[in-house]
Protein backbone atom coordinates (compact mmCIF):
# COMPACT_ATOMS: atom_id res chain seq x y z
CA MET A 1 -10.69 64.37 54.83
CA GLU A 2 -13.04 61.78 56.31
CA TYR A 3 -14.57 59.24 54.00
CA ILE A 4 -16.71 56.14 54.02
CA PRO A 5 -15.07 53.41 51.95
CA ILE A 6 -16.80 52.44 48.73
CA VAL A 7 -16.42 49.01 47.18
CA PHE A 8 -17.33 49.02 43.51
CA VAL A 9 -18.85 45.69 42.54
CA ASP A 10 -19.85 43.98 39.34
CA LEU A 11 -21.41 40.58 38.86
CA GLU A 12 -21.61 38.45 35.78
CA THR A 13 -24.59 36.12 35.76
CA GLY A 14 -26.06 33.29 33.76
CA GLY A 15 -29.09 35.46 32.93
CA LEU A 16 -30.98 38.57 33.94
CA ALA A 17 -33.33 37.04 36.55
CA LEU A 18 -32.50 35.82 40.06
CA GLU A 19 -33.19 32.24 38.98
CA TYR A 20 -29.88 32.32 37.09
CA PRO A 21 -26.54 31.77 38.86
CA VAL A 22 -23.88 34.36 39.53
CA ILE A 23 -20.81 33.18 37.64
CA GLN A 24 -18.27 35.91 38.56
CA ILE A 25 -17.82 38.54 41.28
CA GLY A 26 -15.45 41.45 40.77
CA ALA A 27 -14.78 44.32 43.17
CA VAL A 28 -12.38 47.18 43.75
CA ALA A 29 -12.13 49.18 46.98
CA LEU A 30 -11.87 52.93 47.06
CA PRO A 31 -9.60 54.50 48.27
CA THR A 32 -7.17 51.55 48.62
CA GLY A 33 -7.51 50.17 45.08
CA ARG A 34 -7.45 46.60 46.41
CA VAL A 35 -9.27 44.14 44.17
CA PHE A 36 -11.36 41.00 44.61
CA GLU A 37 -12.30 38.51 41.92
CA ARG A 38 -13.90 35.08 42.08
CA LYS A 39 -15.27 32.84 39.40
CA LEU A 40 -18.06 30.64 40.74
CA ARG A 41 -18.85 27.03 39.90
CA PHE A 42 -22.22 26.63 38.20
CA ASN A 43 -24.15 24.33 35.94
CA LYS A 44 -24.11 25.73 32.41
CA ASP A 45 -27.53 24.15 31.78
CA ASP A 46 -28.93 26.59 34.38
CA CYS A 47 -27.84 29.59 32.28
CA HIS A 48 -29.33 31.46 29.38
CA PRO A 49 -27.22 30.91 26.22
CA ALA A 50 -27.20 34.64 25.35
CA ALA A 51 -25.77 35.51 28.76
CA MET A 52 -23.02 32.94 28.44
CA ALA A 53 -22.03 34.30 25.02
CA LYS A 54 -21.80 37.82 26.45
CA ASN A 55 -20.00 37.17 29.76
CA ASN A 56 -16.49 36.14 28.69
CA TYR A 57 -17.16 32.60 29.91
CA ASP A 58 -14.28 30.27 29.08
CA PRO A 59 -14.87 26.68 30.30
CA GLU A 60 -11.12 26.00 30.59
CA ILE A 61 -10.54 29.03 32.82
CA TRP A 62 -13.59 28.26 34.97
CA ALA A 63 -12.44 24.63 35.34
CA LYS A 64 -9.13 25.89 36.80
CA GLU A 65 -10.29 28.91 38.81
CA ALA A 66 -13.95 28.52 39.82
CA VAL A 67 -14.81 27.97 43.47
CA ASP A 68 -17.90 26.85 45.31
CA PRO A 69 -20.49 29.69 45.43
CA LEU A 70 -20.66 29.64 49.25
CA ASP A 71 -16.88 30.05 49.47
CA ALA A 72 -16.95 32.89 46.93
CA TRP A 73 -19.68 34.80 48.79
CA MET A 74 -17.97 34.26 52.17
CA ASP A 75 -14.71 35.55 50.68
CA PHE A 76 -16.57 38.56 49.27
CA SER A 77 -18.11 39.27 52.69
CA ARG A 78 -14.64 39.14 54.27
CA PHE A 79 -13.33 41.49 51.56
CA LEU A 80 -16.08 43.96 52.47
CA ASP A 81 -15.32 43.60 56.19
CA ALA A 82 -11.63 44.32 55.54
CA HIS A 83 -12.54 47.66 53.98
CA LYS A 84 -15.08 48.91 56.51
CA LYS A 85 -14.42 52.08 58.44
CA GLU A 86 -16.15 52.44 61.79
CA ASP A 87 -18.42 49.54 60.83
CA ASP A 88 -19.58 51.26 57.64
CA ILE A 89 -19.11 50.61 53.95
CA VAL A 90 -20.98 51.56 50.80
CA LEU A 91 -21.25 49.49 47.64
CA GLY A 92 -21.05 51.11 44.23
CA GLY A 93 -21.34 50.00 40.65
CA HIS A 94 -22.87 50.61 37.27
CA ASN A 95 -26.59 49.75 37.37
CA ILE A 96 -25.95 48.19 40.77
CA HIS A 97 -29.25 49.53 42.11
CA ASP A 98 -31.45 47.72 39.58
CA PHE A 99 -29.35 44.60 38.97
CA ASP A 100 -26.37 43.59 41.10
CA MET A 101 -27.90 44.41 44.50
CA ASP A 102 -30.73 41.94 43.94
CA PHE A 103 -28.23 39.15 43.28
CA ILE A 104 -25.99 40.18 46.19
CA ASN A 105 -28.88 40.36 48.65
CA ASP A 106 -30.25 37.03 47.36
CA ALA A 107 -26.87 35.31 47.74
CA PHE A 108 -26.29 36.69 51.23
CA THR A 109 -29.76 35.53 52.28
CA LYS A 110 -29.42 32.11 50.60
CA HIS A 111 -26.04 31.48 52.25
CA SER A 112 -27.03 33.01 55.63
CA ILE A 113 -24.37 35.71 55.41
CA LYS A 114 -25.04 38.83 57.46
CA SER A 115 -25.08 41.85 55.18
CA ASN A 116 -22.22 44.16 56.07
CA TYR A 117 -22.96 47.06 53.74
CA ARG A 118 -25.41 49.89 53.41
CA ARG A 119 -28.55 48.98 51.54
CA VAL A 120 -28.47 52.05 49.27
CA PRO A 121 -25.58 51.80 46.80
CA ILE A 122 -23.90 54.44 44.68
CA ASP A 123 -24.99 53.83 41.10
CA THR A 124 -22.72 55.30 38.44
CA MET A 125 -25.34 54.71 35.75
CA LEU A 126 -27.73 57.05 37.58
CA MET A 127 -24.96 59.56 38.24
CA HIS A 128 -24.05 59.61 34.55
CA TYR A 129 -27.70 59.84 33.51
CA TYR A 130 -28.29 62.93 35.67
CA GLN A 131 -25.15 64.67 34.45
CA HIS A 132 -25.65 63.68 30.80
CA PRO A 133 -29.39 63.24 30.23
CA GLY A 134 -30.48 61.65 26.98
CA GLU A 135 -27.21 59.81 26.42
CA ARG A 136 -26.86 56.04 26.36
CA LYS A 137 -26.46 54.58 29.84
CA SER A 138 -24.35 51.46 29.27
CA LEU A 139 -21.00 51.27 31.03
CA ALA A 140 -19.27 51.18 27.64
CA SER A 141 -21.07 54.38 26.58
CA CYS A 142 -20.22 56.14 29.84
CA CYS A 143 -16.57 55.12 29.56
CA GLU A 144 -16.42 56.35 25.98
CA ARG A 145 -18.07 59.69 26.89
CA LEU A 146 -15.69 60.17 29.83
CA GLU A 147 -12.60 58.92 27.95
CA ILE A 148 -12.04 55.96 30.27
CA VAL A 149 -10.45 52.72 29.10
CA GLN A 150 -12.93 50.05 30.15
CA GLY A 151 -10.99 46.82 29.76
CA ARG A 152 -12.93 43.68 28.83
CA ALA A 153 -16.66 44.45 28.83
CA HIS A 154 -18.67 41.93 30.85
CA ASP A 155 -15.70 40.82 32.90
CA ALA A 156 -16.70 41.44 36.51
CA LEU A 157 -13.36 42.82 37.72
CA ASP A 158 -12.76 45.01 34.67
CA ASP A 159 -16.30 46.40 34.90
CA ALA A 160 -15.95 47.08 38.65
CA LYS A 161 -12.72 48.99 37.95
CA ALA A 162 -14.40 50.94 35.13
CA SER A 163 -17.32 51.81 37.42
CA MET A 164 -14.89 53.18 40.00
CA LEU A 165 -13.19 55.30 37.33
CA VAL A 166 -16.58 56.60 36.12
CA TYR A 167 -17.42 57.55 39.72
CA ARG A 168 -14.10 59.33 40.21
CA LYS A 169 -14.49 61.23 36.93
CA LEU A 170 -18.09 62.24 37.66
CA THR A 171 -17.31 63.40 41.21
CA THR A 172 -14.06 65.24 40.39
CA ARG A 173 -15.96 68.25 39.12
CA TYR A 174 -17.49 68.75 42.59
CA GLN A 175 -14.30 68.61 44.63
């Protein structure tokens, strides 16, 4: 069976608008299951306090693991390149269409990185909404409805993995 690889992505940010920094990138590639995770250096003063309380930010862990944002985005671009098939790859995620893609596109533009993915992502929030109209759309709600163990909510890698599992569960019925 032919397939186009999908890399499920989640970002944690210092706020909901593009003016706030990305603080963590998490991704998991389908079908290989390979993972990518980077914590990014940032100035906490540039972040909204509510976002920092929600995003599993631990200053001690960031002090040990965080890298320069340019390095993180270049590493992410290389991760995407490593999973392309015939020069094609699709990004996926939960609410990726209305949130994460704006930050990804902004970072690639800001750091002069050539985009190496399709512009239209697979959004598991929309998929869940169309299959279960009227239900809550959060990743936690989708995971609960589909009996998926989410891991730590608002951890980029755990949320990327959960998004992939939501996708697999929602598409299984059509195979």
